[in-house]
Amino acid sequence: MVPRLPNAPTPAVLLTYQQEWVADQAEVAIWEKSRRIGASWCDASQAVLTAAQENGMDALYIGYSEDMTREYIDDCAMWAKAFSFAVSWFGEVVYSDESTDIKAFRIDFASGKKVLALSSRPRSIRGKQGRVTIDEAAFHDDLPGLMKAALAMLIWGGKVRLLSSHNGAENPFNEIVEDVRAGKLGYSLHRTTFREAVAQGLYARVALIQGERLKERTETAWVERIYAMYGDTSAEELDVIPSSGSGAWLTRALIESCMAPDIPVLRLAMPDSFTLLAGYLREAEIRDWCEAHLLPLLSGLDANLDHFFGEDFARTGDLSALWPLAQSRTLQWRTPFVVELRNVPFEQQKQVLFYLVDRLPRFRHGALDARGNGQYLAEVAQQKYGISRISQVMLSLEWYREHMPRLKAAFEDRTLLLPRDADILSDLRSVSMEKGVAKVPDQAHQRGSDGRPRHGDTAVALALASFATLSDSGPVFVESRPGGEYLDFQGY
């Protein structure tokens, strides 16, 4: 058994990730989770609290097998006893409909409400009201039908809970998760991998319960055994990565449907010798380029529209990409132009960035790649424009998981307009699914139309621009009143 000091506090009954699930007050909550982390067990505690307290509601449970259903109702009975709630009846019941009998397990409380564990059929919850849990949602035969029946409960104040491990990238459960990330569904979303659960105390809890029966005396050995047990399926079962999530993320047809021929792409490539010129010469040449190519485009932007940008940085080899976005009056995101910089020194990249941002009408927010050398440009931009209007983004697998679904939704909904350009098409086509996440793979290098290397640079810039549009920040206009007695602040 795990030793405890005599005065050590009793550990919390629920681990942190379990507490967060139980505390969630959203109408609909989704939990994509690892196997065997106590998700159903902690959900049972909330089901009991929902049904047993005064002014509560019925708690309904849908599992895909009878064994799951029995286990859940046993967990509810345990929690009822732990909470000292009066139970008036506990047992198995049978409901009849037009075609067959439906077996269910039921706990009645003195409150007049009940916990009812039912079979995996949409009709089993039709006509009922309360808090419904659909457990291992990815493994039900008709999840869309179950959701259709469950969501009707929201009309009279009910709640819906979906929790599941993954069962493939094309599964309806994963489609719901992706729609939540894309902003199409306003549901609460939780995600817990096996390693995250261990970091929050899962091994210590297992050791506390199993005592001397637990063979592994260290957390590391225990985790290694669990991963070895799941073998090739561990990514999906434990790491919460849907299987079969590989291949191109966007089809060529989908990308081209969002392209327009009248959007320019400005490309500036400098020879190696340019870096060694005197600073004033470099500055003058870049200023001339900006005034000749950027200024006419910037001057033509609609002064009444909000503008954002994303920037993917590179110094040598690949290229830097600047992607502005304007929100149209029809709430479409329109690209006014794209800028590509190749082999441009740090200071001159800063010069181009500041020239552009200084002239963006109603500039709201920008997001810059802050990895490696890009951190310098992201930092100076934040110093100039403020932390509320510049995000320094450390691109990671978690960042892509969180924000790429929203970008894909913009393509699918045709709310994004971008240049009809072969290199941009190639960059966007290079985005693929890696460990269930859409990103530009590290090895995805290709040749552009100029024969030089690219690494999905404009795709990353567009993703950052899409992220920037999430910000609520914006300009504040200050107007001095006559007499200078006070200032009038107008902004949003």
Protein backbone atom coordinates (compact mmCIF):
# COMPACT_ATOMS: atom_id res chain seq x y z
CA MET A 1 0.00 0.00 0.00
CA VAL A 2 1.19 3.54 -0.68
CA PRO A 3 2.59 4.85 2.63
CA ARG A 4 1.00 7.93 4.17
CA LEU A 5 2.42 10.09 6.88
CA PRO A 6 0.38 10.03 10.11
CA ASN A 7 -0.71 13.65 9.71
CA ALA A 8 -1.12 13.60 5.91
CA PRO A 9 -4.46 15.04 4.79
CA THR A 10 -7.06 12.73 3.33
CA PRO A 11 -6.87 13.06 -0.46
CA ALA A 12 -9.81 14.59 -2.30
CA VAL A 13 -12.30 11.98 -3.42
CA LEU A 14 -12.32 13.28 -7.00
CA LEU A 15 -9.15 14.07 -8.90
CA THR A 16 -8.80 17.49 -10.55
CA TYR A 17 -10.05 16.47 -14.00
CA GLN A 18 -13.00 14.67 -12.38
CA GLN A 19 -13.83 17.74 -10.29
CA GLU A 20 -13.81 19.89 -13.43
CA TRP A 21 -16.30 17.56 -15.12
CA VAL A 22 -18.67 17.45 -12.17
CA ALA A 23 -18.48 21.23 -11.71
CA ASP A 24 -19.32 22.01 -15.35
CA GLN A 25 -22.69 23.79 -15.49
CA ALA A 26 -22.98 23.94 -19.30
CA GLU A 27 -26.18 22.68 -20.86
CA VAL A 28 -24.20 20.27 -23.05
CA ALA A 29 -20.74 19.02 -22.10
CA ILE A 30 -18.46 16.70 -24.07
CA TRP A 31 -15.56 14.71 -22.63
CA GLU A 32 -13.07 13.00 -24.94
CA LYS A 33 -11.09 10.81 -22.62
CA SER A 34 -8.67 7.98 -22.09
CA ARG A 35 -9.82 4.56 -21.00
CA ARG A 36 -10.05 3.71 -17.30
CA ILE A 37 -9.59 7.10 -15.68
CA GLY A 38 -12.77 7.06 -13.60
CA ALA A 39 -14.90 9.21 -15.89
CA SER A 40 -18.15 7.26 -15.58
CA TRP A 41 -17.56 6.80 -11.86
CA CYS A 42 -17.28 10.53 -11.21
CA ASP A 43 -20.22 11.27 -13.51
CA ALA A 44 -22.30 8.92 -11.35
CA SER A 45 -21.64 11.18 -8.35
CA GLN A 46 -23.19 14.11 -10.18
CA ALA A 47 -26.14 11.97 -11.29
CA VAL A 48 -26.88 11.16 -7.64
CA LEU A 49 -26.55 14.79 -6.57
CA THR A 50 -28.88 15.77 -9.41
CA ALA A 51 -31.61 13.28 -8.49
CA ALA A 52 -31.37 13.12 -4.69
CA GLN A 53 -31.44 16.78 -3.77
CA GLU A 54 -34.56 18.88 -3.41
CA ASN A 55 -35.51 20.74 -6.58
CA GLY A 56 -33.36 18.31 -8.56
CA MET A 57 -34.23 16.37 -11.69
CA ASP A 58 -34.12 12.81 -12.94
CA ALA A 59 -30.69 11.55 -14.00
CA LEU A 60 -30.73 9.28 -17.05
CA TYR A 61 -27.84 7.11 -18.21
CA ILE A 62 -27.33 5.48 -21.61
CA GLY A 63 -24.63 2.82 -21.96
CA TYR A 64 -24.04 0.62 -24.99
CA SER A 65 -24.07 -2.65 -23.02
CA GLU A 66 -25.93 -4.11 -20.07
CA ASP A 67 -22.69 -4.60 -18.13
CA MET A 68 -21.90 -0.88 -18.41
CA THR A 69 -25.39 -0.01 -17.28
CA ARG A 70 -25.19 -2.28 -14.22
CA GLU A 71 -21.77 -0.90 -13.27
CA TYR A 72 -23.01 2.69 -13.49
CA ILE A 73 -26.06 2.04 -11.35
CA ASP A 74 -23.84 0.27 -8.79
CA ASP A 75 -21.61 3.36 -8.73
CA CYS A 76 -24.69 5.52 -8.15
CA ALA A 77 -25.73 3.29 -5.24
CA MET A 78 -22.25 3.65 -3.73
CA TRP A 79 -22.41 7.45 -4.05
CA ALA A 80 -25.92 7.56 -2.57
CA LYS A 81 -24.62 5.69 0.46
CA ALA A 82 -21.54 7.93 0.72
CA PHE A 83 -23.72 11.05 0.56
CA SER A 84 -26.23 9.52 3.05
CA PHE A 85 -29.16 10.11 0.70
CA ALA A 86 -32.34 8.20 1.47
CA VAL A 87 -33.10 5.60 -1.22
CA SER A 88 -36.72 4.45 -1.42
CA TRP A 89 -36.24 1.76 -4.08
CA PHE A 90 -33.38 0.15 -6.00
CA GLY A 91 -33.68 -2.52 -8.64
CA GLU A 92 -34.36 -3.66 -12.18
CA VAL A 93 -37.44 -2.56 -14.12
CA VAL A 94 -38.89 -3.23 -17.57
CA TYR A 95 -40.48 -0.60 -19.81
CA SER A 96 -42.61 -1.63 -22.77
CA ASP A 97 -42.97 0.21 -26.05
CA GLU A 98 -44.74 -0.71 -29.27
CA SER A 99 -42.21 -3.29 -30.39
CA THR A 100 -40.22 -4.61 -27.46
CA ASP A 101 -39.49 -4.50 -23.76
CA ILE A 102 -36.70 -2.19 -22.54
CA LYS A 103 -34.77 -3.32 -19.48
CA ALA A 104 -33.58 -0.58 -17.14
CA PHE A 105 -32.00 -0.17 -13.71
CA ARG A 106 -33.44 2.37 -11.33
CA ILE A 107 -32.77 4.09 -8.01
CA ASP A 108 -35.62 6.10 -6.46
CA PHE A 109 -34.78 8.80 -3.93
CA ALA A 110 -36.82 10.40 -1.18
CA SER A 111 -36.70 13.60 -3.25
CA GLY A 112 -39.16 11.98 -5.65
CA LYS A 113 -36.55 11.89 -8.43
CA LYS A 114 -34.63 8.91 -9.77
CA VAL A 115 -31.51 7.67 -11.49
CA LEU A 116 -32.55 5.58 -14.48
CA ALA A 117 -30.02 3.57 -16.49
CA LEU A 118 -31.42 2.64 -19.91
CA SER A 119 -30.51 0.80 -23.09
CA SER A 120 -28.80 2.36 -26.11
CA ARG A 121 -31.93 3.20 -28.08
CA PRO A 122 -33.10 6.72 -28.92
CA ARG A 123 -36.70 5.82 -28.09
CA SER A 124 -35.72 4.80 -24.55
CA ILE A 125 -35.27 8.47 -23.56
CA ARG A 126 -38.01 10.03 -25.67
CA GLY A 127 -40.67 11.58 -23.48
CA LYS A 128 -38.35 11.69 -20.47
CA GLN A 129 -36.81 14.77 -18.84
CA GLY A 130 -33.67 15.44 -16.80
CA ARG A 131 -29.90 15.17 -16.98
CA VAL A 132 -28.82 12.52 -19.50
CA THR A 133 -25.39 10.90 -19.76
CA ILE A 134 -24.45 9.07 -22.96
CA ASP A 135 -21.45 6.96 -21.97
CA GLU A 136 -18.83 5.74 -24.48
CA ALA A 137 -20.76 7.74 -27.05
CA ALA A 138 -18.44 6.76 -29.92
CA PHE A 139 -19.55 3.12 -29.61
CA HIS A 140 -23.32 3.55 -29.83
CA ASP A 141 -25.06 2.36 -32.99
CA ASP A 142 -27.09 5.55 -33.44
CA LEU A 143 -25.39 8.47 -31.69
CA PRO A 144 -27.06 11.10 -33.93
CA GLY A 145 -30.45 9.62 -33.00
CA LEU A 146 -29.57 9.61 -29.31
CA MET A 147 -28.42 13.24 -29.48
CA LYS A 148 -31.60 14.26 -31.27
CA ALA A 149 -33.67 12.73 -28.48
CA ALA A 150 -31.42 14.01 -25.68
CA LEU A 151 -31.21 17.63 -26.84
CA ALA A 152 -34.98 17.95 -26.55
CA MET A 153 -34.47 17.84 -22.77
CA LEU A 154 -32.77 21.24 -22.87
CA ILE A 155 -36.14 22.87 -23.60
CA TRP A 156 -37.27 22.29 -20.00
CA GLY A 157 -33.94 22.87 -18.28
CA GLY A 158 -32.28 19.49 -18.70
CA LYS A 159 -28.59 18.81 -19.33
CA VAL A 160 -26.75 16.52 -21.75
CA ARG A 161 -23.41 14.83 -21.08
CA LEU A 162 -21.36 12.88 -23.64
CA LEU A 163 -18.24 11.07 -22.53
CA SER A 164 -16.21 8.65 -24.59
CA SER A 165 -12.88 7.37 -25.75
CA HIS A 166 -12.40 7.61 -29.51
CA ASN A 167 -13.48 5.09 -32.14
CA GLY A 168 -12.04 6.49 -35.35
CA ALA A 169 -11.70 9.93 -36.92
CA GLU A 170 -14.88 9.55 -38.98
CA ASN A 171 -17.01 8.51 -36.01
CA PRO A 172 -20.01 10.77 -35.16
CA PHE A 173 -18.55 11.39 -31.70
CA ASN A 174 -15.33 12.82 -33.15
CA GLU A 175 -17.35 14.87 -35.63
CA ILE A 176 -19.18 16.46 -32.68
CA VAL A 177 -15.83 17.16 -30.97
CA GLU A 178 -14.43 18.77 -34.12
CA ASP A 179 -17.57 20.87 -34.55
CA VAL A 180 -17.18 22.15 -30.98
CA ARG A 181 -13.57 23.10 -31.65
CA ALA A 182 -14.61 24.76 -34.90
CA GLY A 183 -17.13 26.92 -33.04
CA LYS A 184 -20.10 25.35 -34.84
CA LEU A 185 -21.48 23.95 -31.59
CA GLY A 186 -21.44 25.96 -28.38
CA TYR A 187 -20.84 23.00 -26.10
CA SER A 188 -18.35 22.70 -23.26
CA LEU A 189 -15.40 20.45 -24.18
CA HIS A 190 -13.11 18.47 -21.85
CA ARG A 191 -10.11 16.36 -22.90
CA THR A 192 -8.09 14.07 -20.64
CA THR A 193 -5.32 11.72 -21.77
CA PHE A 194 -4.06 8.85 -19.65
CA ARG A 195 -0.79 10.63 -18.91
CA GLU A 196 -2.66 13.78 -17.88
CA ALA A 197 -4.78 11.71 -15.52
CA VAL A 198 -1.65 10.13 -14.05
CA ALA A 199 -0.07 13.56 -13.57
CA GLN A 200 -3.18 14.58 -11.60
CA GLY A 201 -2.99 11.59 -9.26
CA LEU A 202 -4.48 8.54 -11.00
CA TYR A 203 -1.60 6.21 -10.10
CA ALA A 204 -1.62 7.34 -6.49
CA ARG A 205 -5.37 6.66 -6.34
CA VAL A 206 -4.98 3.18 -7.86
CA ALA A 207 -2.17 2.42 -5.42
CA LEU A 208 -4.31 3.62 -2.52
CA ILE A 209 -7.18 1.34 -3.53
CA GLN A 210 -5.19 -1.76 -4.55
CA GLY A 211 -2.57 -1.60 -1.82
CA GLU A 212 -0.31 -4.65 -1.81
CA ARG A 213 -2.14 -6.13 -4.80
CA LEU A 214 -0.54 -3.54 -7.08
CA LYS A 215 2.56 -5.17 -8.53
CA GLU A 216 4.22 -2.04 -9.92
CA ARG A 217 5.91 -0.15 -7.11
CA THR A 218 6.58 2.94 -9.25
CA GLU A 219 4.34 5.14 -11.34
CA THR A 220 6.65 4.77 -14.35
CA ALA A 221 6.48 0.98 -14.32
CA TRP A 222 2.70 1.04 -13.99
CA VAL A 223 2.25 3.46 -16.89
CA GLU A 224 4.61 1.39 -19.08
CA ARG A 225 2.57 -1.74 -18.37
CA ILE A 226 -0.71 -0.03 -19.27
CA TYR A 227 0.71 1.26 -22.57
CA ALA A 228 2.19 -2.16 -23.35
CA MET A 229 -1.20 -3.73 -22.66
CA TYR A 230 -2.90 -1.53 -25.28
CA GLY A 231 -0.04 -1.84 -27.76
CA ASP A 232 -0.74 -0.35 -31.19
CA THR A 233 -4.13 0.96 -30.03
CA SER A 234 -2.66 3.06 -27.20
CA ALA A 235 -2.74 6.29 -29.24
CA GLU A 236 -6.52 6.07 -29.57
CA GLU A 237 -7.37 4.33 -26.30
CA LEU A 238 -5.02 6.27 -24.00
CA ASP A 239 -3.71 9.35 -25.81
CA VAL A 240 -7.16 10.40 -27.12
CA ILE A 241 -6.05 10.45 -30.78
CA PRO A 242 -8.72 9.17 -33.20
CA SER A 243 -7.44 6.39 -35.43
CA SER A 244 -7.25 6.62 -39.22
CA GLY A 245 -6.61 10.35 -38.89
CA SER A 246 -4.17 10.67 -41.76
CA GLY A 247 -4.07 12.12 -45.25
CA ALA A 248 -4.74 15.54 -46.73
CA TRP A 249 -6.76 17.81 -44.49
CA LEU A 250 -8.36 19.93 -47.21
CA THR A 251 -9.39 18.75 -50.66
CA ARG A 252 -8.27 20.67 -53.70
CA ALA A 253 -11.89 21.32 -54.66
CA LEU A 254 -12.69 22.78 -51.23
CA ILE A 255 -9.69 25.13 -51.31
CA GLU A 256 -10.35 26.29 -54.85
CA SER A 257 -14.00 26.99 -54.02
CA CYS A 258 -12.76 29.72 -51.62
CA MET A 259 -10.27 31.29 -54.05
CA ALA A 260 -10.72 34.52 -56.03
CA PRO A 261 -8.54 35.63 -58.98
CA ASP A 262 -8.38 39.32 -58.06
CA ILE A 263 -6.43 38.97 -54.77
CA PRO A 264 -2.71 39.72 -55.24
CA VAL A 265 0.25 37.91 -53.67
CA LEU A 266 3.29 40.17 -53.17
CA ARG A 267 6.63 38.37 -53.22
CA LEU A 268 9.93 39.92 -52.19
CA ALA A 269 13.16 37.90 -52.39
CA MET A 270 16.54 39.45 -51.59
CA PRO A 271 20.05 38.22 -52.52
CA ASP A 272 22.50 37.27 -49.78
CA SER A 273 24.50 40.44 -50.51
CA PHE A 274 21.57 42.60 -49.39
CA THR A 275 22.18 41.60 -45.76
CA LEU A 276 25.65 43.21 -45.84
CA LEU A 277 24.53 46.61 -47.10
CA ALA A 278 24.59 49.59 -44.77
CA GLY A 279 21.49 49.87 -42.64
CA TYR A 280 20.27 53.09 -44.24
CA LEU A 281 20.53 51.54 -47.71
CA ARG A 282 18.57 48.45 -46.69
CA GLU A 283 15.95 50.61 -45.04
CA ALA A 284 15.63 52.87 -48.08
CA GLU A 285 15.25 49.98 -50.50
CA ILE A 286 12.57 48.29 -48.44
CA ARG A 287 10.75 51.60 -47.96
CA ASP A 288 10.72 52.09 -51.73
CA TRP A 289 9.34 48.56 -52.20
CA CYS A 290 6.62 49.12 -49.60
CA GLU A 291 5.55 52.40 -51.15
CA ALA A 292 5.55 50.96 -54.67
CA HIS A 293 3.76 47.67 -53.88
CA LEU A 294 2.16 47.74 -50.43
CA LEU A 295 0.90 51.30 -50.19
CA PRO A 296 -1.50 51.14 -53.17
CA LEU A 297 -3.12 48.03 -51.73
CA LEU A 298 -3.29 49.41 -48.20
CA SER A 299 -4.74 52.69 -49.43
CA GLY A 300 -7.54 50.79 -51.13
CA LEU A 301 -8.70 48.94 -47.98
CA ASP A 302 -12.15 49.71 -46.63
CA ALA A 303 -11.66 52.05 -43.67
CA ASN A 304 -14.90 50.85 -42.08
CA LEU A 305 -13.92 47.17 -41.79
CA ASP A 306 -11.99 45.46 -38.99
CA HIS A 307 -8.60 44.06 -39.99
CA PHE A 308 -6.44 41.27 -38.54
CA PHE A 309 -3.27 39.47 -39.58
CA GLY A 310 -1.20 36.34 -39.05
CA GLU A 311 2.53 35.96 -39.66
CA ASP A 312 4.67 32.85 -40.08
CA PHE A 313 8.37 33.65 -39.71
CA ALA A 314 11.45 32.34 -41.52
CA ARG A 315 14.84 33.90 -42.09
CA THR A 316 16.58 31.54 -44.54
CA GLY A 317 15.48 28.45 -46.43
CA ASP A 318 11.72 28.84 -46.09
CA LEU A 319 9.89 32.15 -46.35
CA SER A 320 8.00 34.49 -44.06
CA ALA A 321 4.32 34.99 -44.86
CA LEU A 322 2.08 37.88 -43.79
CA TRP A 323 -1.64 37.23 -44.18
CA PRO A 324 -4.09 40.10 -43.50
CA LEU A 325 -7.82 39.41 -43.11
CA ALA A 326 -10.71 41.85 -43.31
CA GLN A 327 -14.15 41.09 -41.92
CA SER A 328 -16.70 41.99 -44.58
CA ARG A 329 -20.17 43.38 -43.91
CA THR A 330 -21.55 39.89 -44.60
CA LEU A 331 -19.20 38.46 -41.90
CA GLN A 332 -17.01 36.82 -44.52
CA TRP A 333 -13.25 36.85 -43.95
CA ARG A 334 -11.67 38.37 -47.05
CA THR A 335 -7.96 38.32 -47.80
CA PRO A 336 -6.99 41.72 -49.32
CA PHE A 337 -3.49 40.45 -50.27
CA VAL A 338 -0.71 38.17 -49.02
CA VAL A 339 2.96 39.09 -48.57
CA GLU A 340 5.81 36.59 -48.90
CA LEU A 341 9.35 37.54 -47.84
CA ARG A 342 12.34 35.38 -48.72
CA ASN A 343 15.86 35.92 -47.37
CA VAL A 344 14.93 39.32 -45.91
CA PRO A 345 17.01 40.43 -42.87
CA PHE A 346 15.38 40.64 -39.46
CA GLU A 347 15.27 44.42 -39.34
CA GLN A 348 13.73 44.70 -42.77
CA GLN A 349 11.09 42.09 -41.94
CA LYS A 350 10.22 44.28 -38.97
CA GLN A 351 10.14 47.29 -41.30
CA VAL A 352 7.66 45.59 -43.67
CA LEU A 353 5.50 44.36 -40.79
CA PHE A 354 5.27 47.78 -39.14
CA TYR A 355 4.62 49.51 -42.47
CA LEU A 356 1.71 47.16 -43.10
CA VAL A 357 0.18 47.16 -39.62
CA ASP A 358 0.47 50.94 -39.22
CA ARG A 359 -1.79 51.30 -42.26
CA LEU A 360 -4.34 48.56 -41.63
CA PRO A 361 -7.70 50.29 -41.06
CA ARG A 362 -9.36 49.49 -37.73
CA PHE A 363 -6.55 47.11 -36.83
CA ARG A 364 -7.86 44.73 -34.20
CA HIS A 365 -5.36 41.94 -33.60
CA GLY A 366 -2.36 40.10 -35.02
CA ALA A 367 -0.83 36.71 -34.22
CA LEU A 368 2.83 35.96 -34.89
CA ASP A 369 4.78 32.72 -34.88
CA ALA A 370 7.04 33.10 -31.83
CA ARG A 371 9.11 29.95 -32.21
CA GLY A 372 12.88 30.24 -32.64
CA ASN A 373 14.00 33.38 -34.46
CA GLY A 374 10.39 34.44 -34.89
CA GLN A 375 10.26 35.33 -31.22
CA TYR A 376 12.21 38.54 -31.89
CA LEU A 377 9.69 39.88 -34.40
CA ALA A 378 6.75 38.78 -32.26
CA GLU A 379 8.27 40.51 -29.24
CA VAL A 380 8.98 43.85 -30.91
CA ALA A 381 5.50 43.84 -32.50
CA GLN A 382 3.94 43.30 -29.07
CA GLN A 383 6.08 46.10 -27.64
CA LYS A 384 4.92 48.48 -30.38
CA TYR A 385 1.22 47.62 -30.60
CA GLY A 386 0.54 46.28 -27.13
CA ILE A 387 -0.17 42.91 -25.58
CA SER A 388 -3.91 43.30 -26.17
CA ARG A 389 -3.42 43.51 -29.94
CA ILE A 390 -0.50 41.15 -30.60
CA SER A 391 -0.31 37.47 -29.66
CA GLN A 392 3.02 35.65 -29.52
CA VAL A 393 2.05 32.10 -30.51
CA MET A 394 4.16 29.08 -29.66
CA LEU A 395 2.86 26.67 -32.28
CA SER A 396 2.38 23.20 -30.82
CA LEU A 397 0.30 20.08 -31.35
CA GLU A 398 -2.15 21.33 -28.72
CA TRP A 399 -2.46 24.73 -30.43
CA TYR A 400 -3.20 23.10 -33.78
CA ARG A 401 -5.71 20.73 -32.17
CA GLU A 402 -7.56 23.65 -30.62
CA HIS A 403 -7.60 26.08 -33.54
CA MET A 404 -7.40 24.25 -36.88
CA PRO A 405 -11.01 22.94 -36.77
CA ARG A 406 -12.29 26.53 -36.83
CA LEU A 407 -10.22 27.28 -39.93
CA LYS A 408 -11.54 24.19 -41.69
CA ALA A 409 -15.08 25.23 -40.81
CA ALA A 410 -14.46 28.55 -42.58
CA PHE A 411 -13.53 26.65 -45.76
CA GLU A 412 -16.53 24.37 -45.49
CA ASP A 413 -18.92 27.27 -44.83
CA ARG A 414 -17.38 29.37 -47.64
CA THR A 415 -16.84 32.26 -45.22
CA LEU A 416 -13.19 32.66 -46.26
CA LEU A 417 -11.87 34.26 -49.45
CA LEU A 418 -8.21 33.81 -50.45
CA PRO A 419 -5.97 34.32 -53.51
CA ARG A 420 -6.19 31.99 -56.49
CA ASP A 421 -2.50 31.09 -56.37
CA ALA A 422 -0.75 27.79 -57.09
CA ASP A 423 1.79 28.12 -54.28
CA ILE A 424 -0.87 28.95 -51.68
CA LEU A 425 -2.90 25.98 -52.90
CA SER A 426 0.18 23.77 -52.49
CA ASP A 427 0.81 25.11 -48.97
CA LEU A 428 -2.76 24.42 -47.88
CA ARG A 429 -2.69 20.95 -49.46
CA SER A 430 0.45 20.17 -47.44
CA VAL A 431 -1.56 20.33 -44.21
CA SER A 432 -2.31 16.78 -43.12
CA MET A 433 -3.49 14.86 -40.09
CA GLU A 434 -0.70 13.96 -37.70
CA LYS A 435 -1.68 12.07 -34.56
CA GLY A 436 -5.23 13.14 -35.19
CA VAL A 437 -4.29 16.83 -35.50
CA ALA A 438 -4.19 18.98 -38.64
CA LYS A 439 -0.79 20.64 -39.13
CA VAL A 440 2.04 21.12 -41.60
CA PRO A 441 4.31 18.08 -41.02
CA ASP A 442 7.92 18.86 -40.21
CA GLN A 443 9.09 16.99 -43.30
CA ALA A 444 6.54 18.54 -45.68
CA HIS A 445 8.89 20.56 -47.88
CA GLN A 446 8.04 21.23 -51.51
CA ARG A 447 9.24 23.44 -54.37
CA GLY A 448 7.32 26.58 -55.19
CA SER A 449 6.64 27.98 -58.64
CA ASP A 450 9.97 29.87 -58.38
CA GLY A 451 11.82 26.61 -57.80
CA ARG A 452 12.65 27.51 -54.21
CA PRO A 453 11.67 25.56 -51.07
CA ARG A 454 8.42 26.10 -49.18
CA HIS A 455 7.14 24.57 -45.96
CA GLY A 456 3.43 25.29 -45.89
CA ASP A 457 4.32 28.84 -44.85
CA THR A 458 1.17 30.63 -46.04
CA ALA A 459 -1.01 27.88 -44.53
CA VAL A 460 0.49 28.59 -41.11
CA ALA A 461 0.09 32.36 -41.61
CA LEU A 462 -3.58 31.87 -42.50
CA ALA A 463 -4.11 29.69 -39.42
CA LEU A 464 -2.57 32.43 -37.27
CA ALA A 465 -4.73 35.08 -38.95
CA SER A 466 -7.80 32.96 -38.26
CA PHE A 467 -6.71 32.70 -34.62
CA ALA A 468 -6.24 36.49 -34.45
CA THR A 469 -9.89 37.02 -35.42
CA LEU A 470 -10.93 35.42 -32.13
CA SER A 471 -9.64 38.44 -30.20
CA ASP A 472 -12.03 41.01 -28.75
CA SER A 473 -9.38 43.72 -28.66
CA GLY A 474 -9.51 46.79 -30.85
CA PRO A 475 -8.53 50.41 -31.30
CA VAL A 476 -9.61 53.13 -28.92
CA PHE A 477 -10.21 56.59 -30.36
CA VAL A 478 -9.55 59.59 -28.11
CA GLU A 479 -11.15 62.95 -28.76
CA SER A 480 -10.42 66.12 -26.80
CA ARG A 481 -13.51 68.19 -26.09
CA PRO A 482 -13.45 72.00 -26.56
CA GLY A 483 -11.76 73.72 -23.64
CA GLY A 484 -9.77 70.60 -22.82
CA GLU A 485 -11.96 69.92 -19.79
CA TYR A 486 -12.15 66.16 -20.34
CA LEU A 487 -11.58 63.46 -22.90
CA ASP A 488 -14.17 61.38 -24.73
CA PHE A 489 -13.15 57.77 -25.26
CA GLN A 490 -14.78 55.84 -28.08
CA GLY A 491 -13.81 52.30 -28.79
CA TYR A 492 -14.84 48.69 -28.61
